[in-house]
Amino acid sequence: MQQIDISAPEPGKAASALLACPAQKILIDGQWVETESGDVFETLDPATGQVIGKLQRCDARDVDKAVAAARRALEGAAWSGMTPMERSQLLWRIADLIEANIDELAELETLDQGKALYVGRWAEIPGAVNQFRYFSGLATKIEGTTIPTSINYQPEGKQVFAYTQKEPVGVVGAIVPWNSPLVLTAMKLAPALAAGCTIVLKPAENTSLTAVRLLELMQEAGLPDGVVNLVTGYGNEAGAALAQHPGVDKIAFTGSTATGRQILDAAKGNLKKVTLELGGKSPVIIMPDADIDAAVQGAANAIFFNGGQVCIAGSRLYCHSSIQDKVIEGVAAIGEQITLGHGLNPETQMGPLVSREHSAKVAEYIADGKSSGASIVAGGETGGPNASFVAPTVITDVKPDMRIVREEIFGPVVVVTPFDDTDEVVAAANDSEYGLAAGVWTEGMSNGIRMANRLKAGTIWINGHAMYDASLPIGGMKQSGWGRDSGQAALQNYLELKTVCAIV
């Protein structure tokens, strides 16, 4: 493995000031407070393993308070009486403040999660800005319809007037993961606020710092007290309490499929609504007529971006047998040239994985693949002072039943399989319990669209990968989830449809 430089410049004044707090507090009903228990936990820099801050360790009592605050805000005049235009303007102000503090937020994201600074600074934090601006526009466009009916038994001289209206679903529990914390938080909060909901936000325990700063900015933008509340802590404590709380009307969750099943079980008590954006094992297919240079670069980016810690990462690469050697050689060469290091170092192209424990899980998958007969073409090593770095890894000679082919690894590890015809590769791509995303590289657009129609995934990219926009719905089929984030479809997650039928 290449020598890893974990030296990095000090973060800016704003990020340093937040990190200097003895322990971050939680936000309940507009007030920054400590937990009922007084317990805190540490958050670490994954590159070094050093403690960079402390956070409140919430339990069910704190969740109770947060849910109660959200319920009061939902029914209070400060929020329910706000006009759609006022909500729109509020969301736009939040976007402006995120953008104005983008350098600080990117530094916090890197220190907390490990990602290379450019990933947050130029991709994910701007993505959060765009979420709030996009849903700012939709806040004024929540409309019902009038319905002509065929009801003919109203009193003589009367007529039926029927219409629908859309109302906020209520109190939302938003539970977000650690891989892209701020943008994934924005993907929950922006549509929920546009719809008029109130929220209890529970960020991942190892990446909560940008959530704290975001809530400060939202207060600065003029968010009424209690509309968004923040609880930090562990999933099996604060997260579980939120998922099963009878005062929560909806859970919006992004994370693993295994945790998604637990969310569903917890939601059964009051039959709360649930949207789930879960795991993936996304195929990338390179056809023989593809622009090979572009496809190789695209396939490498699809798996190595953010260390492969992306739900839609292109972790299964299928290349036509006539070009497989060139593709494998190209992707491996790109992986070997990626500079590993501390995310704040401007030379770093890939930071550590989120934790030593997660790195060990990825390493176990690589070892299991090798022991099952797969070949490591590039990478495969782990290292760094916190054992949290995994080299970009390319694996060949795989079989469809191997764990590395079937299970989500969530690291910079791609398995490569050759194919000879379209039917074969479509069948192989669909042979998965997941259905989050897929990519096809081909210059034959008609064939690409025909393949997209046959692939069982919520998002298909042709001649690209991970092309995100706040207007584009993202979500999965099969065990990759229920519902969609982003786009107009996401707004519907947070609305109830009411029918009114009157004799007039």
Protein backbone atom coordinates (compact mmCIF):
# COMPACT_ATOMS: atom_id res chain seq x y z
CA MET A 1 0.00 0.00 0.00
CA GLN A 2 1.22 3.53 -0.76
CA GLN A 3 2.59 5.59 2.08
CA ILE A 4 -0.24 7.61 3.60
CA ASP A 5 0.31 11.20 4.67
CA ILE A 6 -2.16 12.16 7.37
CA SER A 7 -0.72 15.63 7.92
CA ALA A 8 -3.19 18.38 7.16
CA PRO A 9 -3.65 22.11 7.65
CA GLU A 10 -5.64 23.35 10.60
CA PRO A 11 -9.32 23.98 9.87
CA GLY A 12 -10.51 27.56 9.53
CA LYS A 13 -11.57 29.78 12.42
CA ALA A 14 -15.27 28.99 12.14
CA ALA A 15 -14.85 25.21 12.18
CA SER A 16 -12.22 25.47 14.93
CA ALA A 17 -14.60 27.53 17.07
CA LEU A 18 -17.30 24.89 16.86
CA LEU A 19 -14.83 22.12 17.64
CA ALA A 20 -13.59 24.04 20.69
CA CYS A 21 -16.94 23.55 22.47
CA PRO A 22 -16.57 21.15 25.42
CA ALA A 23 -19.62 19.24 24.17
CA GLN A 24 -22.14 20.05 21.48
CA LYS A 25 -25.72 20.42 22.71
CA ILE A 26 -29.01 19.25 21.23
CA LEU A 27 -31.79 21.51 19.99
CA ILE A 28 -35.26 21.12 21.49
CA ASP A 29 -38.00 23.72 21.07
CA GLY A 30 -35.49 26.33 19.93
CA GLN A 31 -33.19 25.86 22.95
CA TRP A 32 -29.71 24.29 22.96
CA VAL A 33 -29.73 21.96 25.94
CA GLU A 34 -27.99 18.93 27.44
CA THR A 35 -29.53 15.49 27.70
CA GLU A 36 -31.61 14.35 30.66
CA SER A 37 -28.88 11.89 31.60
CA GLY A 38 -25.98 14.26 31.07
CA ASP A 39 -24.20 11.53 29.09
CA VAL A 40 -21.96 12.43 26.16
CA PHE A 41 -19.95 10.46 23.62
CA GLU A 42 -16.90 11.18 21.51
CA THR A 43 -16.62 11.75 17.80
CA LEU A 44 -13.33 10.89 16.09
CA ASP A 45 -11.27 12.00 13.14
CA PRO A 46 -11.27 8.72 11.18
CA ALA A 47 -7.88 9.43 9.61
CA THR A 48 -6.10 9.64 12.94
CA GLY A 49 -8.47 8.12 15.48
CA GLN A 50 -8.14 11.25 17.58
CA VAL A 51 -11.09 12.76 19.44
CA ILE A 52 -12.31 15.95 17.77
CA GLY A 53 -15.42 16.60 19.82
CA LYS A 54 -18.13 15.39 22.16
CA LEU A 55 -21.87 15.11 21.59
CA GLN A 56 -24.94 14.54 23.71
CA ARG A 57 -25.98 10.90 24.08
CA CYS A 58 -29.75 11.11 23.84
CA ASP A 59 -32.17 8.48 25.09
CA ALA A 60 -35.94 8.02 24.96
CA ARG A 61 -36.53 10.87 27.41
CA ASP A 62 -34.83 13.39 25.13
CA VAL A 63 -36.68 12.01 22.11
CA ASP A 64 -39.96 12.44 24.00
CA LYS A 65 -39.16 16.11 24.58
CA ALA A 66 -38.16 16.65 20.96
CA VAL A 67 -41.31 14.99 19.61
CA ALA A 68 -43.49 17.01 21.97
CA ALA A 69 -41.79 20.21 20.81
CA ALA A 70 -42.34 19.26 17.17
CA ARG A 71 -46.04 18.56 17.87
CA ARG A 72 -46.51 21.94 19.53
CA ALA A 73 -44.79 23.68 16.64
CA LEU A 74 -46.91 21.79 14.10
CA GLU A 75 -50.08 23.08 15.72
CA GLY A 76 -48.76 26.51 16.68
CA ALA A 77 -49.54 29.68 14.76
CA ALA A 78 -45.88 30.59 14.13
CA TRP A 79 -45.52 27.64 11.75
CA SER A 80 -49.01 26.53 10.74
CA GLY A 81 -49.95 30.16 10.10
CA MET A 82 -46.95 30.80 7.88
CA THR A 83 -47.96 31.31 4.26
CA PRO A 84 -46.47 29.16 1.50
CA MET A 85 -44.52 32.17 0.26
CA GLU A 86 -43.09 32.77 3.73
CA ARG A 87 -42.00 29.10 3.94
CA SER A 88 -40.45 29.46 0.50
CA GLN A 89 -38.49 32.53 1.56
CA LEU A 90 -37.33 30.77 4.73
CA LEU A 91 -35.97 27.81 2.76
CA TRP A 92 -34.16 30.18 0.41
CA ARG A 93 -32.54 31.99 3.35
CA ILE A 94 -31.37 28.65 4.73
CA ALA A 95 -29.80 27.85 1.35
CA ASP A 96 -28.05 31.23 1.31
CA LEU A 97 -26.59 30.66 4.77
CA ILE A 98 -25.33 27.17 3.90
CA GLU A 99 -23.67 28.64 0.83
CA ALA A 100 -22.15 31.50 2.82
CA ASN A 101 -20.63 29.00 5.30
CA ILE A 102 -19.66 26.36 2.75
CA ASP A 103 -15.96 26.25 3.65
CA GLU A 104 -16.67 25.70 7.34
CA LEU A 105 -19.26 23.01 6.63
CA ALA A 106 -16.95 21.21 4.23
CA GLU A 107 -14.16 21.19 6.80
CA LEU A 108 -16.46 19.83 9.50
CA GLU A 109 -17.71 17.14 7.15
CA THR A 110 -14.16 16.08 6.31
CA LEU A 111 -13.00 16.00 9.91
CA ASP A 112 -16.05 14.02 11.02
CA GLN A 113 -16.46 11.62 8.09
CA GLY A 114 -12.98 11.54 6.53
CA LYS A 115 -13.90 12.39 2.95
CA ALA A 116 -11.54 14.40 0.78
CA LEU A 117 -12.31 18.10 1.17
CA TYR A 118 -13.22 18.60 -2.48
CA VAL A 119 -16.04 16.03 -2.18
CA GLY A 120 -17.88 18.15 0.36
CA ARG A 121 -16.77 21.57 -0.88
CA TRP A 122 -17.60 21.14 -4.54
CA ALA A 123 -20.21 18.35 -4.63
CA GLU A 124 -22.12 17.58 -1.46
CA ILE A 125 -22.49 20.94 0.31
CA PRO A 126 -23.58 22.64 -2.95
CA GLY A 127 -26.00 19.72 -3.32
CA ALA A 128 -27.52 20.63 0.05
CA VAL A 129 -27.89 24.24 -1.07
CA ASN A 130 -29.69 23.10 -4.20
CA GLN A 131 -32.10 20.94 -2.19
CA PHE A 132 -33.30 23.89 -0.14
CA ARG A 133 -33.57 26.14 -3.19
CA TYR A 134 -35.46 23.56 -5.24
CA PHE A 135 -38.02 22.86 -2.52
CA SER A 136 -38.28 26.57 -1.80
CA GLY A 137 -39.89 26.78 -5.23
CA LEU A 138 -42.23 23.88 -4.58
CA ALA A 139 -43.48 25.28 -1.26
CA THR A 140 -45.83 27.60 -3.18
CA LYS A 141 -47.04 24.91 -5.56
CA ILE A 142 -48.81 22.44 -3.29
CA GLU A 143 -52.18 22.27 -4.95
CA GLY A 144 -55.38 20.25 -4.82
CA THR A 145 -57.92 19.68 -7.56
CA THR A 146 -61.64 20.09 -8.07
CA ILE A 147 -63.44 16.91 -9.07
CA PRO A 148 -66.61 16.67 -11.15
CA THR A 149 -68.69 13.91 -9.59
CA SER A 150 -71.65 11.82 -10.76
CA ILE A 151 -73.43 11.89 -7.40
CA ASN A 152 -77.11 12.39 -8.23
CA TYR A 153 -78.91 11.97 -4.92
CA GLN A 154 -78.39 15.43 -3.42
CA PRO A 155 -81.49 17.46 -2.46
CA GLU A 156 -83.36 19.18 -5.27
CA GLY A 157 -81.82 22.49 -6.19
CA LYS A 158 -78.46 21.56 -4.66
CA GLN A 159 -75.24 20.47 -6.27
CA VAL A 160 -72.06 18.72 -5.24
CA PHE A 161 -68.80 20.58 -4.90
CA ALA A 162 -65.85 18.20 -4.43
CA TYR A 163 -62.17 18.94 -4.16
CA THR A 164 -58.90 17.65 -2.75
CA GLN A 165 -56.36 19.44 -0.65
CA LYS A 166 -52.91 18.47 0.53
CA GLU A 167 -51.80 18.83 4.12
CA PRO A 168 -48.54 18.14 5.97
CA VAL A 169 -48.27 14.56 7.17
CA GLY A 170 -47.32 15.81 10.63
CA VAL A 171 -44.27 15.19 12.81
CA VAL A 172 -41.41 13.59 10.86
CA GLY A 173 -38.54 11.60 12.32
CA ALA A 174 -35.59 12.04 9.96
CA ILE A 175 -32.77 9.52 10.44
CA VAL A 176 -29.73 10.06 8.24
CA PRO A 177 -26.51 8.05 7.69
CA TRP A 178 -22.86 8.88 8.00
CA ASN A 179 -21.59 8.71 4.42
CA SER A 180 -22.85 12.08 3.10
CA PRO A 181 -24.37 13.66 6.19
CA LEU A 182 -25.26 17.21 5.19
CA VAL A 183 -26.69 16.64 1.73
CA LEU A 184 -28.69 13.62 2.90
CA THR A 185 -30.04 15.68 5.79
CA ALA A 186 -31.08 18.39 3.33
CA MET A 187 -32.84 15.75 1.21
CA LYS A 188 -35.09 15.03 4.21
CA LEU A 189 -35.52 18.47 5.75
CA ALA A 190 -36.11 20.59 2.65
CA PRO A 191 -39.19 18.74 1.28
CA ALA A 192 -40.60 18.16 4.77
CA LEU A 193 -40.40 21.87 5.57
CA ALA A 194 -41.80 22.82 2.17
CA ALA A 195 -44.80 20.61 2.95
CA GLY A 196 -45.31 22.28 6.34
CA CYS A 197 -44.18 19.37 8.54
CA THR A 198 -42.16 19.60 11.73
CA ILE A 199 -39.13 17.41 12.30
CA VAL A 200 -36.99 15.58 14.81
CA LEU A 201 -33.59 15.01 13.20
CA LYS A 202 -31.35 12.18 14.32
CA PRO A 203 -27.95 12.20 12.55
CA ALA A 204 -25.51 9.30 12.57
CA GLU A 205 -23.54 9.12 15.79
CA ASN A 206 -20.14 9.38 14.11
CA THR A 207 -21.03 12.30 11.80
CA SER A 208 -23.22 14.75 13.69
CA LEU A 209 -21.16 17.95 13.56
CA THR A 210 -22.60 19.42 10.38
CA ALA A 211 -26.12 18.74 11.68
CA VAL A 212 -25.35 20.89 14.74
CA ARG A 213 -24.04 23.70 12.54
CA LEU A 214 -26.92 23.40 10.09
CA LEU A 215 -29.48 23.83 12.86
CA GLU A 216 -27.65 26.94 14.06
CA LEU A 217 -27.89 28.35 10.55
CA MET A 218 -31.57 27.46 10.31
CA GLN A 219 -32.23 29.37 13.51
CA GLU A 220 -30.33 32.31 12.08
CA ALA A 221 -32.58 32.12 9.01
CA GLY A 222 -35.64 32.58 11.23
CA LEU A 223 -36.93 29.04 11.70
CA PRO A 224 -39.64 29.08 14.40
CA ASP A 225 -38.87 27.26 17.63
CA GLY A 226 -39.64 23.56 17.62
CA VAL A 227 -40.05 23.18 13.85
CA VAL A 228 -36.78 21.27 13.59
CA ASN A 229 -35.34 19.58 16.69
CA LEU A 230 -32.00 17.79 16.93
CA VAL A 231 -31.22 14.67 18.95
CA THR A 232 -27.80 13.05 18.75
CA GLY A 233 -26.73 9.64 19.93
CA TYR A 234 -26.70 5.98 19.00
CA GLY A 235 -29.07 4.29 16.61
CA ASN A 236 -30.14 1.61 19.06
CA GLU A 237 -31.01 4.27 21.64
CA ALA A 238 -32.12 7.60 20.18
CA GLY A 239 -32.82 6.22 16.71
CA ALA A 240 -34.91 3.32 17.98
CA ALA A 241 -36.86 5.58 20.34
CA LEU A 242 -37.67 7.94 17.46
CA ALA A 243 -38.69 5.14 15.07
CA GLN A 244 -41.18 3.65 17.54
CA HIS A 245 -42.46 6.87 19.08
CA PRO A 246 -46.28 7.09 18.90
CA GLY A 247 -46.10 10.86 18.47
CA VAL A 248 -44.19 10.58 15.19
CA ASP A 249 -46.35 10.43 12.06
CA LYS A 250 -43.63 9.50 9.58
CA ILE A 251 -40.06 8.20 9.48
CA ALA A 252 -37.74 9.23 6.65
CA PHE A 253 -34.68 6.98 6.76
CA THR A 254 -31.55 6.50 4.69
CA GLY A 255 -29.20 3.67 5.60
CA SER A 256 -28.67 -0.04 5.37
CA THR A 257 -31.34 -2.52 4.36
CA ALA A 258 -30.91 -4.37 7.66
CA THR A 259 -31.63 -1.22 9.65
CA GLY A 260 -34.51 -0.41 7.30
CA ARG A 261 -36.21 -3.64 8.34
CA GLN A 262 -35.82 -2.63 11.99
CA ILE A 263 -37.37 0.75 11.20
CA LEU A 264 -40.37 -1.00 9.66
CA ASP A 265 -40.84 -3.17 12.73
CA ALA A 266 -40.62 -0.15 15.00
CA ALA A 267 -43.12 1.82 12.91
CA LYS A 268 -45.87 -0.77 13.25
CA GLY A 269 -47.08 0.50 16.62
CA ASN A 270 -49.00 3.49 15.26
CA LEU A 271 -48.72 2.52 11.56
CA LYS A 272 -46.58 5.58 10.88
CA LYS A 273 -45.69 6.24 7.27
CA VAL A 274 -42.18 5.26 6.21
CA THR A 275 -39.85 6.11 3.35
CA LEU A 276 -36.63 4.14 3.07
CA GLU A 277 -33.58 4.76 0.90
CA LEU A 278 -31.54 1.62 1.53
CA GLY A 279 -28.60 -0.39 0.27
CA GLY A 280 -27.40 -1.04 -3.23
CA LYS A 281 -25.14 -3.20 -5.31
CA SER A 282 -25.33 -1.15 -8.46
CA PRO A 283 -24.18 -2.63 -11.79
CA VAL A 284 -22.21 -0.65 -14.35
CA ILE A 285 -22.38 -2.15 -17.85
CA ILE A 286 -19.85 -1.26 -20.54
CA MET A 287 -20.99 -2.28 -24.01
CA PRO A 288 -18.49 -2.99 -26.82
CA ASP A 289 -19.46 0.21 -28.66
CA ALA A 290 -18.86 2.48 -25.65
CA ASP A 291 -16.39 5.33 -25.60
CA ILE A 292 -13.87 3.21 -23.71
CA ASP A 293 -11.79 6.02 -22.26
CA ALA A 294 -14.87 7.80 -20.93
CA ALA A 295 -16.38 4.54 -19.68
CA VAL A 296 -13.22 3.53 -17.83
CA GLN A 297 -13.01 6.92 -16.12
CA GLY A 298 -16.71 6.79 -15.34
CA ALA A 299 -16.55 3.27 -13.92
CA ALA A 300 -13.61 4.25 -11.70
CA ASN A 301 -15.39 7.35 -10.42
CA ALA A 302 -18.53 5.28 -9.79
CA ILE A 303 -16.73 3.12 -7.23
CA PHE A 304 -13.85 5.24 -5.90
CA PHE A 305 -15.73 8.50 -5.26
CA ASN A 306 -15.94 9.10 -1.49
CA GLY A 307 -14.10 5.84 -0.95
CA GLY A 308 -17.01 3.85 -2.35
CA GLN A 309 -19.12 4.91 0.63
CA VAL A 310 -22.04 5.83 -1.60
CA CYS A 311 -25.32 3.96 -1.77
CA ILE A 312 -25.35 4.07 -5.58
CA ALA A 313 -21.66 3.15 -5.97
CA GLY A 314 -20.99 1.12 -9.11
CA SER A 315 -19.67 -1.89 -7.25
CA ARG A 316 -20.46 -4.50 -9.94
CA LEU A 317 -18.71 -3.82 -13.24
CA TYR A 318 -19.79 -5.81 -16.30
CA CYS A 319 -17.67 -5.30 -19.41
CA HIS A 320 -17.98 -6.99 -22.78
CA SER A 321 -15.41 -9.74 -23.20
CA SER A 322 -13.95 -8.00 -26.27
CA ILE A 323 -12.88 -5.02 -24.15
CA GLN A 324 -12.54 -6.50 -20.67
CA ASP A 325 -8.73 -6.43 -20.54
CA LYS A 326 -8.61 -2.74 -21.46
CA VAL A 327 -11.34 -1.87 -18.97
CA ILE A 328 -9.76 -3.79 -16.10
CA GLU A 329 -6.35 -2.34 -16.83
CA GLY A 330 -7.75 1.18 -17.04
CA VAL A 331 -9.82 1.08 -13.85
CA ALA A 332 -6.95 -0.55 -11.93
CA ALA A 333 -4.50 2.10 -13.16
CA ILE A 334 -6.80 4.91 -12.03
CA GLY A 335 -7.20 3.27 -8.64
CA GLU A 336 -3.46 2.89 -8.19
CA GLN A 337 -2.89 6.56 -8.99
CA ILE A 338 -5.36 7.88 -6.41
CA THR A 339 -3.59 9.73 -3.59
CA LEU A 340 -4.70 8.63 -0.13
CA GLY A 341 -4.36 10.93 2.85
CA HIS A 342 -6.06 13.11 5.39
CA GLY A 343 -9.14 14.68 3.85
CA LEU A 344 -8.08 18.23 4.72
CA ASN A 345 -4.84 17.85 2.78
CA PRO A 346 -5.46 19.52 -0.62
CA GLU A 347 -3.42 16.77 -2.32
CA THR A 348 -5.72 14.03 -1.04
CA GLN A 349 -8.03 12.39 -3.57
CA MET A 350 -9.43 9.75 -1.23
CA GLY A 351 -9.61 9.95 2.53
CA PRO A 352 -10.06 7.16 5.06
CA LEU A 353 -13.23 5.19 5.48
CA VAL A 354 -15.51 6.46 8.20
CA SER A 355 -13.99 4.34 10.97
CA ARG A 356 -11.49 1.64 11.82
CA GLU A 357 -14.40 -0.77 12.32
CA HIS A 358 -15.86 -0.11 8.90
CA SER A 359 -12.45 -0.48 7.27
CA ALA A 360 -12.10 -3.86 8.96
CA LYS A 361 -15.45 -4.98 7.52
CA VAL A 362 -14.36 -3.99 4.01
CA ALA A 363 -11.05 -5.79 4.48
CA GLU A 364 -12.94 -8.91 5.56
CA TYR A 365 -14.94 -8.86 2.33
CA ILE A 366 -11.75 -8.59 0.30
CA ALA A 367 -10.18 -11.49 2.19
CA ASP A 368 -13.33 -13.58 1.78
CA GLY A 369 -13.33 -12.96 -1.96
CA LYS A 370 -9.71 -13.95 -2.26
CA SER A 371 -10.23 -17.15 -0.25
CA SER A 372 -13.20 -17.99 -2.50
CA GLY A 373 -11.02 -17.90 -5.61
CA ALA A 374 -11.26 -14.29 -6.77
CA SER A 375 -8.16 -12.43 -7.99
CA ILE A 376 -7.04 -9.06 -6.61
CA VAL A 377 -5.85 -7.06 -9.63
CA ALA A 378 -5.22 -3.83 -7.74
CA GLY A 379 -5.39 -2.65 -4.14
CA GLY A 380 -6.71 -4.91 -1.43
CA GLU A 381 -4.58 -3.44 1.33
CA THR A 382 -5.55 -1.47 4.43
CA GLY A 383 -3.41 0.89 6.44
CA GLY A 384 -2.91 4.23 8.11
CA PRO A 385 -2.38 5.04 11.79
CA ASN A 386 -6.02 4.28 12.54
CA ALA A 387 -6.15 1.32 10.11
CA SER A 388 -9.00 3.18 8.39
CA PHE A 389 -7.64 3.47 4.85
CA VAL A 390 -8.51 0.94 2.15
CA ALA A 391 -6.67 1.06 -1.16
CA PRO A 392 -8.85 1.29 -4.29
CA THR A 393 -9.46 -2.35 -5.12
CA VAL A 394 -10.29 -4.16 -8.37
CA ILE A 395 -11.28 -7.83 -8.19
CA THR A 396 -11.74 -10.29 -11.07
CA ASP A 397 -12.44 -14.02 -11.48
CA VAL A 398 -15.62 -13.71 -9.45
CA LYS A 399 -18.65 -15.97 -9.45
CA PRO A 400 -22.27 -14.81 -9.06
CA ASP A 401 -22.74 -16.53 -5.70
CA MET A 402 -19.72 -14.93 -3.98
CA ARG A 403 -20.42 -12.58 -1.08
CA ILE A 404 -18.37 -9.84 -2.72
CA VAL A 405 -20.72 -10.00 -5.71
CA ARG A 406 -23.99 -10.20 -3.79
CA GLU A 407 -23.53 -8.11 -0.65
CA GLU A 408 -23.03 -4.37 -0.26
CA ILE A 409 -19.42 -3.72 0.74
CA PHE A 410 -19.63 0.09 0.97
CA GLY A 411 -15.98 0.66 0.23
CA PRO A 412 -13.69 1.28 -2.76
CA VAL A 413 -14.05 -2.29 -4.04
CA VAL A 414 -15.33 -3.23 -7.50
CA VAL A 415 -15.85 -6.75 -8.84
CA VAL A 416 -15.49 -7.22 -12.60
CA THR A 417 -17.42 -9.77 -14.70
CA PRO A 418 -17.18 -10.21 -18.48
CA PHE A 419 -20.21 -10.87 -20.69
CA ASP A 420 -20.90 -11.69 -24.34
CA ASP A 421 -24.46 -10.56 -25.12
CA THR A 422 -27.10 -8.14 -23.92
CA ASP A 423 -29.56 -10.69 -22.55
CA GLU A 424 -26.79 -12.24 -20.48
CA VAL A 425 -25.65 -9.00 -18.90
CA VAL A 426 -29.16 -7.68 -18.19
CA ALA A 427 -29.99 -10.95 -16.42
CA ALA A 428 -26.78 -10.76 -14.40
CA ALA A 429 -27.34 -7.11 -13.49
CA ASN A 430 -30.87 -7.87 -12.28
CA ASP A 431 -29.71 -10.91 -10.30
CA SER A 432 -29.58 -9.00 -7.01
CA GLU A 433 -31.81 -8.36 -4.02
CA TYR A 434 -31.01 -4.68 -4.54
CA GLY A 435 -32.35 -2.31 -7.16
CA LEU A 436 -31.10 1.17 -6.36
CA ALA A 437 -29.21 2.29 -9.48
CA ALA A 438 -27.45 1.07 -12.60
CA GLY A 439 -25.34 2.48 -15.39
CA VAL A 440 -24.94 1.66 -19.07
CA TRP A 441 -22.11 2.88 -21.28
CA THR A 442 -22.88 2.73 -24.99
CA GLU A 443 -22.80 4.93 -28.06
CA GLY A 444 -25.92 3.17 -29.32
CA MET A 445 -28.52 5.28 -27.53
CA SER A 446 -31.48 3.21 -28.74
CA ASN A 447 -29.92 0.07 -27.27
CA GLY A 448 -29.04 1.97 -24.09
CA ILE A 449 -32.64 3.04 -23.57
CA ARG A 450 -33.91 -0.48 -24.30
CA MET A 451 -31.51 -1.80 -21.65
CA ALA A 452 -32.60 0.91 -19.19
CA ASN A 453 -36.18 -0.26 -19.64
CA ARG A 454 -35.19 -3.80 -18.72
CA LEU A 455 -32.94 -3.03 -15.74
CA LYS A 456 -34.66 -3.29 -12.35
CA ALA A 457 -33.37 -0.21 -10.56
CA GLY A 458 -34.79 3.09 -9.40
CA THR A 459 -32.28 5.19 -11.35
CA ILE A 460 -30.50 4.35 -14.59
CA TRP A 461 -27.66 6.43 -15.95
CA ILE A 462 -26.57 6.17 -19.57
CA ASN A 463 -22.96 7.26 -20.28
CA GLY A 464 -22.53 8.62 -16.78
CA HIS A 465 -22.92 7.77 -13.10
CA ALA A 466 -24.11 9.53 -9.95
CA MET A 467 -25.59 12.43 -11.91
CA TYR A 468 -27.56 14.00 -9.08
CA ASP A 469 -29.88 16.98 -9.15
CA ALA A 470 -32.47 18.16 -6.68
CA SER A 471 -35.09 17.74 -9.41
CA LEU A 472 -34.31 14.06 -10.08
CA PRO A 473 -36.03 11.45 -7.87
CA ILE A 474 -33.65 8.95 -6.29
CA GLY A 475 -34.70 5.73 -4.63
CA GLY A 476 -34.81 2.00 -5.05
CA MET A 477 -36.72 -1.04 -6.14
CA LYS A 478 -36.69 -4.43 -4.41
CA GLN A 479 -34.78 -4.29 -1.12
CA SER A 480 -33.27 -0.90 -1.91
CA GLY A 481 -36.20 0.89 -0.36
CA TRP A 482 -39.59 2.54 -0.51
CA GLY A 483 -40.35 6.01 -1.84
CA ARG A 484 -38.09 8.64 -3.36
CA ASP A 485 -35.87 11.49 -2.25
CA SER A 486 -35.43 14.62 -4.39
CA GLY A 487 -37.75 15.87 -7.10
CA GLN A 488 -41.47 16.48 -6.92
CA ALA A 489 -41.96 12.85 -5.89
CA ALA A 490 -40.14 13.55 -2.61
CA LEU A 491 -42.56 16.31 -1.66
CA GLN A 492 -45.45 13.84 -1.82
CA ASN A 493 -43.75 11.78 0.92
CA TYR A 494 -44.60 14.53 3.38
CA LEU A 495 -48.19 15.30 2.33
CA GLU A 496 -51.57 13.78 3.12
CA LEU A 497 -54.36 13.97 0.55
CA LYS A 498 -57.76 14.99 1.88
CA THR A 499 -60.99 14.79 -0.12
CA VAL A 500 -63.80 17.24 0.66
CA CYS A 501 -67.27 16.64 -0.75
CA ALA A 502 -69.94 19.25 -0.03
CA ILE A 503 -73.58 19.72 -0.96
CA VAL A 504 -74.01 23.41 -1.74
